[in-house]
Amino acid sequence: MYISYIYNEESYPTSKNTHNYSSIFKTMAFSYVKRNIFSILPILVLLSITPLSSSFSPNDKVTKELVNQLCSQPTIYKHFCVAWLNSDPKTFTLDLHGLMGMVIEKTELLGYKNLAMMKGLARTTTDPNLKIPYGSCVTDYESSIKAIEGAKGFASSKEYLLATKATFEAFNTISDCEALLEQQPIPAYVSPRNLMFERMCNIDTVFTNLLAS
């Protein structure tokens, strides 16, 4: 029931490198304004990231109030974020560091499910015009999952800035996939699945960056 609700929701190195993180937020905001167009112009891809000023601590106990504060951060689709976190009772047994690990793991899990979906579509489609886009999306999901796996390790080691870079890489890569599928006669469930993964990557990026400062 929860997954169905989310799908139908209307509205997604080295730690010494620095760049203006506000560019990431502008890029993500653009993606949400053009919700059916996920692509991000290559010239906007960031080379590095600097942390936002934050009063959050890895040891903060997760409460409903904290969830509301986290999900109110810029570029996050709040209704999705609150519903996603509140749906899992484990959320309120964690500190903020533990929550980082949980949301990244959930993102990774959906990434694998979406990868399997794309592989199935690439294998079974009879439309020759979809073979290449589906194949490219398989590659994009493989790259995104690799980035998320890296982020999971960085977050576990409290290397939050590197985790932020990795999760944004995953976010950006799936934008490329959705751009390839735009205007194509794909099954109705595909774009919502991509949107859900993109929103999760966005949440991962914003949350980890809050602990990077």
Foldseek 3Di string as FASTA:
>chain_A
DLVVVLLPDPFAPDQPDADDQVLLLVQLVVCRVVVLQLAGDPVSDDPFYDFDDAPAAQQAQDDLVVQQVLQPDRSAPNVSSSSVLVVDPVNRVHGLLVVLLVLLVVLLVLLVVLLVVLVVCLVPDPDPLCNVLSVLLNVLSVQLSVLSVVLNVCSVVLVLRSSLSSLSSSLNSLSVSSNSCPPPPDDPSNSSSSRVSNSSSVSSNSSSSNSND
